[in-house]
Amino acid sequence: MLVFRGIPEKAEAPVALTIGNFDGVHLGHQAVLARLVEKAKSLGVPACVMTFEPHPREFFDPANAPARLTDMREKLSLFAAMDIDRVHLCRFDAKFAKMNSAEFESRIHSGLGAKWVLIGDDFHYGAKRAGNFGSMTDAGRQFGFEVEAMHSVKLDGQRISSTLVREAVKMGNFGLAKRLLGRNYSIVGRVVHGDKLGKTLGYPTANIRLKHNKPPLSGIHVVEVHGINRDPVRGAASLGVRPTVVRGGNPVLEVHLLDFAGGIYGARLRVDFLFKLRDEEQFPDLETLKDRIGRDVQDARRYFEN
């Protein structure tokens, strides 16, 4: 899969194109991508995705933007797994935000070589979200590309969306999240050095670097960790601001691996969330925290035993 920054001035060859944020790459997104690949193959052209960094809502209202389900690297990995050929990663900045719908249409024609465009029936684009499916269809007639609408994918009568996945993850309903995503909800990151407090307390942890300081969940969880051995390693994870030891800290993901000892600093791991044990708490002292961690580890072991 080829990844490009922005939109070139002139396309090298025609493509089948879809456009969106694709946060989480849930089953609804996967249906879009599968249809894109199917059509691209029938037309004999590359399957191309246009996406944005940062998320437009992070640009317009960063304080109230939704938590991300996937970082860009993980999103690109999921695209590649679905046989996407090309990705154009567009920086969403003030200049991009001011682009009107007519210019946007012209750019995907001249710069990306869109021969066929797939968008959601509720998709909007351009300054002030002025563009929609109808205007894109009109542009297709002008520039000679076909436009197709992708209707919502539903689960139990409810439209699958990134918002619905976030709500499930936040509530610790990982069974629902798995049904919406088609896989376990996970966080991917590199193991970095921490303050070694877990080791001091008798429960050493792998500290996973978070790309964003606004994860969609918090608390103590049962997890499986991929990327250490051939088989996943079981663990208990804490994701939160560690109020017992830090004031006003950023969220940290710490994973205590069950029945594993080894050096994994620098490893890029995927942490699958399976079950929420409890919310994060502030304890009066480290001894009380240590006792609670011990009970969390035992609860995680019982989860796997059952």
C-alpha atoms as a PDB file:
ATOM      1  CA  MET A   1       0.000   0.000   0.000  1.00  0.00           C
ATOM      2  CA  LEU A   2       1.329   3.435  -0.959  1.00  0.00           C
ATOM      3  CA  VAL A   3       0.789   6.395   1.366  1.00  0.00           C
ATOM      4  CA  PHE A   4       0.972   9.980   0.092  1.00  0.00           C
ATOM      5  CA  ARG A   5       0.820  13.310   1.886  1.00  0.00           C
ATOM      6  CA  GLY A   6      -1.868  15.575   0.480  1.00  0.00           C
ATOM      7  CA  ILE A   7      -3.274  15.761  -3.036  1.00  0.00           C
ATOM      8  CA  PRO A   8      -0.891  16.164  -5.997  1.00  0.00           C
ATOM      9  CA  GLU A   9      -1.455  18.821  -8.643  1.00  0.00           C
ATOM     10  CA  LYS A  10      -1.999  16.214 -11.338  1.00  0.00           C
ATOM     11  CA  ALA A  11      -3.004  12.582 -11.070  1.00  0.00           C
ATOM     12  CA  GLU A  12      -0.750   9.922 -12.525  1.00  0.00           C
ATOM     13  CA  ALA A  13      -3.592   7.480 -13.213  1.00  0.00           C
ATOM     14  CA  PRO A  14      -7.322   7.081 -12.494  1.00  0.00           C
ATOM     15  CA  VAL A  15      -8.484   5.589  -9.178  1.00  0.00           C
ATOM     16  CA  ALA A  16     -11.602   4.380  -7.430  1.00  0.00           C
ATOM     17  CA  LEU A  17     -11.918   6.671  -4.414  1.00  0.00           C
ATOM     18  CA  THR A  18     -13.617   6.886  -1.041  1.00  0.00           C
ATOM     19  CA  ILE A  19     -13.285   9.730   1.463  1.00  0.00           C
ATOM     20  CA  GLY A  20     -13.626   9.826   5.234  1.00  0.00           C
ATOM     21  CA  ASN A  21     -12.043   9.788   8.691  1.00  0.00           C
ATOM     22  CA  PHE A  22     -12.557   6.035   9.278  1.00  0.00           C
ATOM     23  CA  ASP A  23     -11.827   6.282  13.007  1.00  0.00           C
ATOM     24  CA  GLY A  24     -11.854   2.748  14.399  1.00  0.00           C
ATOM     25  CA  VAL A  25     -12.331   1.144  10.958  1.00  0.00           C
ATOM     26  CA  HIS A  26     -15.506  -0.502  12.268  1.00  0.00           C
ATOM     27  CA  LEU A  27     -17.821  -2.839  10.321  1.00  0.00           C
ATOM     28  CA  GLY A  28     -19.518   0.095   8.605  1.00  0.00           C
ATOM     29  CA  HIS A  29     -16.152   1.373   7.394  1.00  0.00           C
ATOM     30  CA  GLN A  30     -15.129  -2.128   6.405  1.00  0.00           C
ATOM     31  CA  ALA A  31     -18.239  -2.414   4.217  1.00  0.00           C
ATOM     32  CA  VAL A  32     -17.230   0.836   2.487  1.00  0.00           C
ATOM     33  CA  LEU A  33     -13.671  -0.359   1.936  1.00  0.00           C
ATOM     34  CA  ALA A  34     -14.792  -3.783   0.688  1.00  0.00           C
ATOM     35  CA  ARG A  35     -17.114  -2.138  -1.848  1.00  0.00           C
ATOM     36  CA  LEU A  36     -14.287   0.183  -2.915  1.00  0.00           C
ATOM     37  CA  VAL A  37     -11.892  -2.717  -3.508  1.00  0.00           C
ATOM     38  CA  GLU A  38     -14.566  -4.664  -5.377  1.00  0.00           C
ATOM     39  CA  LYS A  39     -15.290  -1.751  -7.731  1.00  0.00           C
ATOM     40  CA  ALA A  40     -11.609  -0.898  -8.195  1.00  0.00           C
ATOM     41  CA  LYS A  41     -10.891  -4.443  -9.327  1.00  0.00           C
ATOM     42  CA  SER A  42     -13.787  -4.388 -11.778  1.00  0.00           C
ATOM     43  CA  LEU A  43     -12.518  -1.102 -13.232  1.00  0.00           C
ATOM     44  CA  GLY A  44      -8.882  -2.203 -13.230  1.00  0.00           C
ATOM     45  CA  VAL A  45      -7.743   0.810 -11.175  1.00  0.00           C
ATOM     46  CA  PRO A  46      -6.193   1.260  -7.694  1.00  0.00           C
ATOM     47  CA  ALA A  47      -8.458   1.391  -4.646  1.00  0.00           C
ATOM     48  CA  CYS A  48      -7.734   4.778  -3.056  1.00  0.00           C
ATOM     49  CA  VAL A  49      -8.695   6.260   0.320  1.00  0.00           C
ATOM     50  CA  MET A  50      -8.562   9.957   1.134  1.00  0.00           C
ATOM     51  CA  THR A  51      -8.433  10.633   4.878  1.00  0.00           C
ATOM     52  CA  PHE A  52      -7.484  13.466   7.212  1.00  0.00           C
ATOM     53  CA  GLU A  53      -5.027  14.293   9.996  1.00  0.00           C
ATOM     54  CA  PRO A  54      -5.976  15.675  12.411  1.00  0.00           C
ATOM     55  CA  HIS A  55      -9.662  14.770  12.580  1.00  0.00           C
ATOM     56  CA  PRO A  56     -11.619  17.879  11.450  1.00  0.00           C
ATOM     57  CA  ARG A  57     -13.334  18.101  14.842  1.00  0.00           C
ATOM     58  CA  GLU A  58      -9.919  18.197  16.522  1.00  0.00           C
ATOM     59  CA  PHE A  59      -9.088  21.205  14.339  1.00  0.00           C
ATOM     60  CA  PHE A  60     -12.315  23.146  14.880  1.00  0.00           C
ATOM     61  CA  ASP A  61     -12.956  22.304  18.546  1.00  0.00           C
ATOM     62  CA  PRO A  62     -10.019  20.437  20.112  1.00  0.00           C
ATOM     63  CA  ALA A  63     -11.372  20.647  23.665  1.00  0.00           C
ATOM     64  CA  ASN A  64     -14.585  18.860  22.728  1.00  0.00           C
ATOM     65  CA  ALA A  65     -13.310  16.573  19.961  1.00  0.00           C
ATOM     66  CA  PRO A  66     -14.095  12.885  20.465  1.00  0.00           C
ATOM     67  CA  ALA A  67     -11.457  10.498  21.730  1.00  0.00           C
ATOM     68  CA  ARG A  68      -9.735   8.593  18.956  1.00  0.00           C
ATOM     69  CA  LEU A  69     -10.330   4.871  18.601  1.00  0.00           C
ATOM     70  CA  THR A  70      -7.247   4.324  16.437  1.00  0.00           C
ATOM     71  CA  ASP A  71      -4.102   6.311  15.766  1.00  0.00           C
ATOM     72  CA  MET A  72      -3.067   6.935  12.180  1.00  0.00           C
ATOM     73  CA  ARG A  73      -0.481   4.144  12.062  1.00  0.00           C
ATOM     74  CA  GLU A  74      -3.011   1.553  13.212  1.00  0.00           C
ATOM     75  CA  LYS A  75      -5.602   2.906  10.791  1.00  0.00           C
ATOM     76  CA  LEU A  76      -3.179   2.562   7.893  1.00  0.00           C
ATOM     77  CA  SER A  77      -2.387  -0.998   8.975  1.00  0.00           C
ATOM     78  CA  LEU A  78      -6.099  -1.844   8.901  1.00  0.00           C
ATOM     79  CA  PHE A  79      -6.433  -0.266   5.443  1.00  0.00           C
ATOM     80  CA  ALA A  80      -3.563  -2.388   4.154  1.00  0.00           C
ATOM     81  CA  ALA A  81      -5.183  -5.531   5.562  1.00  0.00           C
ATOM     82  CA  MET A  82      -8.256  -4.766   3.462  1.00  0.00           C
ATOM     83  CA  ASP A  83      -6.249  -4.538   0.210  1.00  0.00           C
ATOM     84  CA  ILE A  84      -6.345  -0.769  -0.180  1.00  0.00           C
ATOM     85  CA  ASP A  85      -3.759   0.273  -2.782  1.00  0.00           C
ATOM     86  CA  ARG A  86      -3.270   3.983  -2.066  1.00  0.00           C
ATOM     87  CA  VAL A  87      -3.958   6.380   0.789  1.00  0.00           C
ATOM     88  CA  HIS A  88      -3.819  10.151   0.507  1.00  0.00           C
ATOM     89  CA  LEU A  89      -3.358  11.608   3.965  1.00  0.00           C
ATOM     90  CA  CYS A  90      -4.483  15.233   3.910  1.00  0.00           C
ATOM     91  CA  ARG A  91      -3.457  17.644   6.636  1.00  0.00           C
ATOM     92  CA  PHE A  92      -6.617  19.303   7.906  1.00  0.00           C
ATOM     93  CA  ASP A  93      -5.492  22.859   8.631  1.00  0.00           C
ATOM     94  CA  ALA A  94      -6.893  26.361   8.152  1.00  0.00           C
ATOM     95  CA  LYS A  95      -6.180  26.317   4.428  1.00  0.00           C
ATOM     96  CA  PHE A  96      -7.876  22.975   3.913  1.00  0.00           C
ATOM     97  CA  ALA A  97     -10.847  24.036   6.037  1.00  0.00           C
ATOM     98  CA  LYS A  98     -11.409  27.068   3.785  1.00  0.00           C
ATOM     99  CA  MET A  99     -11.529  24.997   0.587  1.00  0.00           C
ATOM    100  CA  ASN A 100     -15.018  25.306  -0.906  1.00  0.00           C
ATOM    101  CA  SER A 101     -16.930  22.333  -2.201  1.00  0.00           C
ATOM    102  CA  ALA A 102     -16.321  23.179  -5.885  1.00  0.00           C
ATOM    103  CA  GLU A 103     -12.553  23.322  -5.364  1.00  0.00           C
ATOM    104  CA  PHE A 104     -12.651  20.058  -3.414  1.00  0.00           C
ATOM    105  CA  GLU A 105     -14.488  18.371  -6.293  1.00  0.00           C
ATOM    106  CA  SER A 106     -12.004  19.748  -8.794  1.00  0.00           C
ATOM    107  CA  ARG A 107      -9.036  18.539  -6.720  1.00  0.00           C
ATOM    108  CA  ILE A 108     -10.220  14.945  -6.448  1.00  0.00           C
ATOM    109  CA  HIS A 109     -10.776  14.967 -10.218  1.00  0.00           C
ATOM    110  CA  SER A 110      -7.503  16.556 -11.319  1.00  0.00           C
ATOM    111  CA  GLY A 111      -5.213  15.631  -8.430  1.00  0.00           C
ATOM    112  CA  LEU A 112      -6.438  12.138  -7.592  1.00  0.00           C
ATOM    113  CA  GLY A 113      -7.882  11.100 -10.947  1.00  0.00           C
ATOM    114  CA  ALA A 114     -11.163   9.922  -9.458  1.00  0.00           C
ATOM    115  CA  LYS A 115     -12.973   7.668 -11.908  1.00  0.00           C
ATOM    116  CA  TRP A 116     -15.497   6.386  -9.378  1.00  0.00           C
ATOM    117  CA  VAL A 117     -16.295   7.894  -5.968  1.00  0.00           C
ATOM    118  CA  LEU A 118     -17.978   6.167  -3.037  1.00  0.00           C
ATOM    119  CA  ILE A 119     -19.274   8.311  -0.174  1.00  0.00           C
ATOM    120  CA  GLY A 120     -21.821   7.913   2.592  1.00  0.00           C
ATOM    121  CA  ASP A 121     -25.309   9.180   1.887  1.00  0.00           C
ATOM    122  CA  ASP A 122     -24.842  11.669   4.769  1.00  0.00           C
ATOM    123  CA  PHE A 123     -21.317  12.772   3.774  1.00  0.00           C
ATOM    124  CA  HIS A 124     -20.526  16.505   3.728  1.00  0.00           C
ATOM    125  CA  TYR A 125     -17.398  18.280   2.513  1.00  0.00           C
ATOM    126  CA  GLY A 126     -15.967  21.696   1.755  1.00  0.00           C
ATOM    127  CA  ALA A 127     -16.125  24.922   3.750  1.00  0.00           C
ATOM    128  CA  LYS A 128     -19.150  25.065   6.053  1.00  0.00           C
ATOM    129  CA  ARG A 129     -19.942  21.472   4.983  1.00  0.00           C
ATOM    130  CA  ALA A 130     -21.666  22.870   1.914  1.00  0.00           C
ATOM    131  CA  GLY A 131     -21.013  19.846  -0.301  1.00  0.00           C
ATOM    132  CA  ASN A 132     -23.112  16.690  -0.129  1.00  0.00           C
ATOM    133  CA  PHE A 133     -23.997  13.613  -2.159  1.00  0.00           C
ATOM    134  CA  GLY A 134     -26.104  15.665  -4.570  1.00  0.00           C
ATOM    135  CA  SER A 135     -23.374  18.194  -5.328  1.00  0.00           C
ATOM    136  CA  MET A 136     -20.789  15.421  -5.700  1.00  0.00           C
ATOM    137  CA  THR A 137     -23.067  13.695  -8.187  1.00  0.00           C
ATOM    138  CA  ASP A 138     -23.355  16.946 -10.169  1.00  0.00           C
ATOM    139  CA  ALA A 139     -19.558  17.277 -10.121  1.00  0.00           C
ATOM    140  CA  GLY A 140     -19.281  13.726 -11.412  1.00  0.00           C
ATOM    141  CA  ARG A 141     -21.395  14.630 -14.427  1.00  0.00           C
ATOM    142  CA  GLN A 142     -19.168  17.656 -15.035  1.00  0.00           C
ATOM    143  CA  PHE A 143     -15.819  15.881 -14.678  1.00  0.00           C
ATOM    144  CA  GLY A 144     -16.766  12.435 -15.876  1.00  0.00           C
ATOM    145  CA  PHE A 145     -16.661  10.306 -12.745  1.00  0.00           C
ATOM    146  CA  GLU A 146     -19.387   8.099 -11.298  1.00  0.00           C
ATOM    147  CA  VAL A 147     -20.640   8.615  -7.741  1.00  0.00           C
ATOM    148  CA  GLU A 148     -22.163   5.914  -5.555  1.00  0.00           C
ATOM    149  CA  ALA A 149     -23.766   6.257  -2.123  1.00  0.00           C
ATOM    150  CA  MET A 150     -22.938   3.811   0.650  1.00  0.00           C
ATOM    151  CA  HIS A 151     -25.847   3.373   3.004  1.00  0.00           C
ATOM    152  CA  SER A 152     -25.508   2.801   6.727  1.00  0.00           C
ATOM    153  CA  VAL A 153     -24.591  -0.619   8.082  1.00  0.00           C
ATOM    154  CA  LYS A 154     -26.706  -1.600  11.096  1.00  0.00           C
ATOM    155  CA  LEU A 155     -26.370  -3.930  14.051  1.00  0.00           C
ATOM    156  CA  ASP A 156     -29.571  -4.926  15.841  1.00  0.00           C
ATOM    157  CA  GLY A 157     -31.353  -2.107  14.035  1.00  0.00           C
ATOM    158  CA  GLN A 158     -28.833   0.545  15.121  1.00  0.00           C
ATOM    159  CA  ARG A 159     -26.472   2.344  12.751  1.00  0.00           C
ATOM    160  CA  ILE A 160     -22.848   1.331  13.328  1.00  0.00           C
ATOM    161  CA  SER A 161     -20.745   4.432  13.951  1.00  0.00           C
ATOM    162  CA  SER A 162     -17.519   5.489  15.612  1.00  0.00           C
ATOM    163  CA  THR A 163     -19.635   7.230  18.260  1.00  0.00           C
ATOM    164  CA  LEU A 164     -21.410   3.968  19.095  1.00  0.00           C
ATOM    165  CA  VAL A 165     -18.071   2.153  19.391  1.00  0.00           C
ATOM    166  CA  ARG A 166     -16.715   4.880  21.691  1.00  0.00           C
ATOM    167  CA  GLU A 167     -19.761   4.588  23.934  1.00  0.00           C
ATOM    168  CA  ALA A 168     -19.382   0.805  24.168  1.00  0.00           C
ATOM    169  CA  VAL A 169     -15.673   1.056  24.964  1.00  0.00           C
ATOM    170  CA  LYS A 170     -16.192   3.808  27.539  1.00  0.00           C
ATOM    171  CA  MET A 171     -18.826   1.706  29.336  1.00  0.00           C
ATOM    172  CA  GLY A 172     -16.555  -1.343  29.302  1.00  0.00           C
ATOM    173  CA  ASN A 173     -18.948  -3.235  27.025  1.00  0.00           C
ATOM    174  CA  PHE A 174     -16.181  -4.927  25.068  1.00  0.00           C
ATOM    175  CA  GLY A 175     -18.515  -7.624  23.784  1.00  0.00           C
ATOM    176  CA  LEU A 176     -20.557  -4.999  21.936  1.00  0.00           C
ATOM    177  CA  ALA A 177     -17.402  -3.205  20.810  1.00  0.00           C
ATOM    178  CA  LYS A 178     -16.129  -6.456  19.299  1.00  0.00           C
ATOM    179  CA  ARG A 179     -19.390  -6.951  17.406  1.00  0.00           C
ATOM    180  CA  LEU A 180     -19.191  -3.382  16.044  1.00  0.00           C
ATOM    181  CA  LEU A 181     -15.518  -3.605  15.102  1.00  0.00           C
ATOM    182  CA  GLY A 182     -15.357  -7.223  13.988  1.00  0.00           C
ATOM    183  CA  ARG A 183     -12.347  -7.630  16.315  1.00  0.00           C
ATOM    184  CA  ASN A 184     -11.395  -6.859  19.899  1.00  0.00           C
ATOM    185  CA  TYR A 185     -10.994  -3.203  20.779  1.00  0.00           C
ATOM    186  CA  SER A 186      -7.268  -2.580  21.157  1.00  0.00           C
ATOM    187  CA  ILE A 187      -4.604   0.045  21.681  1.00  0.00           C
ATOM    188  CA  VAL A 188      -1.302  -0.260  19.838  1.00  0.00           C
ATOM    189  CA  GLY A 189       1.874   1.377  21.088  1.00  0.00           C
ATOM    190  CA  ARG A 190       5.537   1.030  21.891  1.00  0.00           C
ATOM    191  CA  VAL A 191       6.864  -0.050  25.302  1.00  0.00           C
ATOM    192  CA  VAL A 192       8.708   2.835  26.954  1.00  0.00           C
ATOM    193  CA  HIS A 193      10.475   3.337  30.286  1.00  0.00           C
ATOM    194  CA  GLY A 194       8.253   4.471  33.147  1.00  0.00           C
ATOM    195  CA  ASP A 195       8.930   5.414  36.760  1.00  0.00           C
ATOM    196  CA  LYS A 196       9.298   1.721  37.793  1.00  0.00           C
ATOM    197  CA  LEU A 197       6.656   2.142  40.535  1.00  0.00           C
ATOM    198  CA  GLY A 198       4.952  -1.123  39.548  1.00  0.00           C
ATOM    199  CA  LYS A 199       8.215  -3.016  39.991  1.00  0.00           C
ATOM    200  CA  THR A 200       8.696  -1.374  43.399  1.00  0.00           C
ATOM    201  CA  LEU A 201       5.238  -2.539  44.438  1.00  0.00           C
ATOM    202  CA  GLY A 202       5.911  -6.082  43.218  1.00  0.00           C
ATOM    203  CA  TYR A 203       3.856  -5.849  40.026  1.00  0.00           C
ATOM    204  CA  PRO A 204       6.123  -4.704  37.174  1.00  0.00           C
ATOM    205  CA  THR A 205       4.340  -3.253  34.160  1.00  0.00           C
ATOM    206  CA  ALA A 206       4.927  -2.642  30.488  1.00  0.00           C
ATOM    207  CA  ASN A 207       4.259   1.041  29.873  1.00  0.00           C
ATOM    208  CA  ILE A 208       2.621   1.531  26.480  1.00  0.00           C
ATOM    209  CA  ARG A 209       3.084   4.933  24.893  1.00  0.00           C
ATOM    210  CA  LEU A 210      -0.220   6.625  24.057  1.00  0.00           C
ATOM    211  CA  LYS A 211      -0.205   8.818  20.952  1.00  0.00           C
ATOM    212  CA  HIS A 212      -3.046  10.984  22.281  1.00  0.00           C
ATOM    213  CA  ASN A 213      -3.862  12.220  25.780  1.00  0.00           C
ATOM    214  CA  LYS A 214      -7.552  11.490  25.375  1.00  0.00           C
ATOM    215  CA  PRO A 215      -8.157   7.726  25.251  1.00  0.00           C
ATOM    216  CA  PRO A 216     -11.786   6.585  24.939  1.00  0.00           C
ATOM    217  CA  LEU A 217     -11.705   4.538  28.166  1.00  0.00           C
ATOM    218  CA  SER A 218     -10.165   4.365  31.623  1.00  0.00           C
ATOM    219  CA  GLY A 219     -10.009   1.949  34.510  1.00  0.00           C
ATOM    220  CA  ILE A 220      -8.601  -1.472  35.290  1.00  0.00           C
ATOM    221  CA  HIS A 221      -9.055  -4.165  32.643  1.00  0.00           C
ATOM    222  CA  VAL A 222      -8.331  -7.749  31.718  1.00  0.00           C
ATOM    223  CA  VAL A 223      -6.274  -7.796  28.508  1.00  0.00           C
ATOM    224  CA  GLU A 224      -4.333  -9.926  26.062  1.00  0.00           C
ATOM    225  CA  VAL A 225      -1.100  -8.571  24.624  1.00  0.00           C
ATOM    226  CA  HIS A 226       0.056  -9.387  21.104  1.00  0.00           C
ATOM    227  CA  GLY A 227       3.557  -8.890  19.746  1.00  0.00           C
ATOM    228  CA  ILE A 228       5.669 -10.519  22.478  1.00  0.00           C
ATOM    229  CA  ASN A 229       5.375 -14.240  21.702  1.00  0.00           C
ATOM    230  CA  ARG A 230       3.632 -16.200  18.987  1.00  0.00           C
ATOM    231  CA  ASP A 231       0.629 -16.556  21.293  1.00  0.00           C
ATOM    232  CA  PRO A 232      -0.955 -13.611  23.148  1.00  0.00           C
ATOM    233  CA  VAL A 233       0.228 -12.941  26.695  1.00  0.00           C
ATOM    234  CA  ARG A 234      -2.455 -12.468  29.333  1.00  0.00           C
ATOM    235  CA  GLY A 235      -2.431  -9.460  31.591  1.00  0.00           C
ATOM    236  CA  ALA A 236      -4.138  -6.887  33.789  1.00  0.00           C
ATOM    237  CA  ALA A 237      -3.983  -3.290  32.574  1.00  0.00           C
ATOM    238  CA  SER A 238      -4.487   0.091  34.164  1.00  0.00           C
ATOM    239  CA  LEU A 239      -5.368   3.020  31.926  1.00  0.00           C
ATOM    240  CA  GLY A 240      -5.709   6.331  33.717  1.00  0.00           C
ATOM    241  CA  VAL A 241      -4.057   9.306  35.351  1.00  0.00           C
ATOM    242  CA  ARG A 242      -2.801   7.416  38.463  1.00  0.00           C
ATOM    243  CA  PRO A 243      -4.365   9.771  41.064  1.00  0.00           C
ATOM    244  CA  THR A 244      -2.718   7.996  43.999  1.00  0.00           C
ATOM    245  CA  VAL A 245       0.800   8.878  42.811  1.00  0.00           C
ATOM    246  CA  VAL A 246       0.397  11.846  40.429  1.00  0.00           C
ATOM    247  CA  ARG A 247      -1.638  15.042  40.455  1.00  0.00           C
ATOM    248  CA  GLY A 248      -2.883  16.292  37.120  1.00  0.00           C
ATOM    249  CA  GLY A 249      -1.039  13.642  35.152  1.00  0.00           C
ATOM    250  CA  ASN A 250      -1.693  12.535  31.578  1.00  0.00           C
ATOM    251  CA  PRO A 251      -3.293   9.150  30.913  1.00  0.00           C
ATOM    252  CA  VAL A 252      -0.907   6.191  31.095  1.00  0.00           C
ATOM    253  CA  LEU A 253      -1.437   2.605  29.917  1.00  0.00           C
ATOM    254  CA  GLU A 254       0.376   0.117  32.167  1.00  0.00           C
ATOM    255  CA  VAL A 255       0.090  -3.636  31.641  1.00  0.00           C
ATOM    256  CA  HIS A 256       1.116  -6.261  34.206  1.00  0.00           C
ATOM    257  CA  LEU A 257       1.843  -9.406  32.213  1.00  0.00           C
ATOM    258  CA  LEU A 258       0.794 -12.658  33.854  1.00  0.00           C
ATOM    259  CA  ASP A 259       3.400 -15.417  33.939  1.00  0.00           C
ATOM    260  CA  PHE A 260       5.862 -13.558  31.748  1.00  0.00           C
ATOM    261  CA  ALA A 261       9.280 -12.098  32.505  1.00  0.00           C
ATOM    262  CA  GLY A 262      11.538 -10.673  29.862  1.00  0.00           C
ATOM    263  CA  GLY A 263      12.897  -7.510  28.304  1.00  0.00           C
ATOM    264  CA  ILE A 264      10.402  -5.899  25.925  1.00  0.00           C
ATOM    265  CA  TYR A 265      11.428  -2.227  25.925  1.00  0.00           C
ATOM    266  CA  GLY A 266      10.989  -0.761  22.474  1.00  0.00           C
ATOM    267  CA  ALA A 267       8.594  -3.497  21.332  1.00  0.00           C
ATOM    268  CA  ARG A 268       5.452  -2.382  19.529  1.00  0.00           C
ATOM    269  CA  LEU A 269       2.534  -4.221  21.148  1.00  0.00           C
ATOM    270  CA  ARG A 270      -1.207  -4.516  20.647  1.00  0.00           C
ATOM    271  CA  VAL A 271      -3.274  -4.590  23.831  1.00  0.00           C
ATOM    272  CA  ASP A 272      -6.702  -6.216  23.377  1.00  0.00           C
ATOM    273  CA  PHE A 273      -9.270  -5.206  26.006  1.00  0.00           C
ATOM    274  CA  LEU A 274     -11.460  -8.118  27.122  1.00  0.00           C
ATOM    275  CA  PHE A 275     -13.190  -7.177  30.379  1.00  0.00           C
ATOM    276  CA  LYS A 276     -13.427  -4.182  32.714  1.00  0.00           C
ATOM    277  CA  LEU A 277     -12.697  -4.980  36.357  1.00  0.00           C
ATOM    278  CA  ARG A 278     -13.334  -1.578  37.908  1.00  0.00           C
ATOM    279  CA  ASP A 279     -12.953   2.198  37.597  1.00  0.00           C
ATOM    280  CA  GLU A 280      -9.730   3.940  38.501  1.00  0.00           C
ATOM    281  CA  GLU A 281      -9.561   4.958  42.179  1.00  0.00           C
ATOM    282  CA  GLN A 282      -7.470   7.172  44.417  1.00  0.00           C
ATOM    283  CA  PHE A 283      -6.077   5.340  47.462  1.00  0.00           C
ATOM    284  CA  PRO A 284      -4.785   6.873  50.706  1.00  0.00           C
ATOM    285  CA  ASP A 285      -1.304   5.347  50.413  1.00  0.00           C
ATOM    286  CA  LEU A 286       0.889   3.037  48.323  1.00  0.00           C
ATOM    287  CA  GLU A 287       0.315   0.049  50.595  1.00  0.00           C
ATOM    288  CA  THR A 288      -3.444   0.220  49.969  1.00  0.00           C
ATOM    289  CA  LEU A 289      -2.765   0.605  46.243  1.00  0.00           C
ATOM    290  CA  LYS A 290      -0.471  -2.440  46.308  1.00  0.00           C
ATOM    291  CA  ASP A 291      -3.161  -4.520  48.024  1.00  0.00           C
ATOM    292  CA  ARG A 292      -5.743  -3.503  45.431  1.00  0.00           C
ATOM    293  CA  ILE A 293      -3.415  -4.274  42.533  1.00  0.00           C
ATOM    294  CA  GLY A 294      -2.914  -7.753  43.997  1.00  0.00           C
ATOM    295  CA  ARG A 295      -6.661  -8.339  44.031  1.00  0.00           C
ATOM    296  CA  ASP A 296      -6.966  -7.005  40.461  1.00  0.00           C
ATOM    297  CA  VAL A 297      -4.309  -9.473  39.292  1.00  0.00           C
ATOM    298  CA  GLN A 298      -6.146 -12.343  40.993  1.00  0.00           C
ATOM    299  CA  ASP A 299      -9.418 -11.213  39.399  1.00  0.00           C
ATOM    300  CA  ALA A 300      -7.702 -11.232  36.001  1.00  0.00           C
ATOM    301  CA  ARG A 301      -6.442 -14.765  36.601  1.00  0.00           C
ATOM    302  CA  ARG A 302      -9.940 -15.903  37.573  1.00  0.00           C
ATOM    303  CA  TYR A 303     -11.320 -14.350  34.377  1.00  0.00           C
ATOM    304  CA  PHE A 304      -9.002 -16.492  32.256  1.00  0.00           C
ATOM    305  CA  GLU A 305      -9.615 -19.602  34.366  1.00  0.00           C
ATOM    306  CA  ASN A 306     -13.350 -19.279  33.767  1.00  0.00           C
END
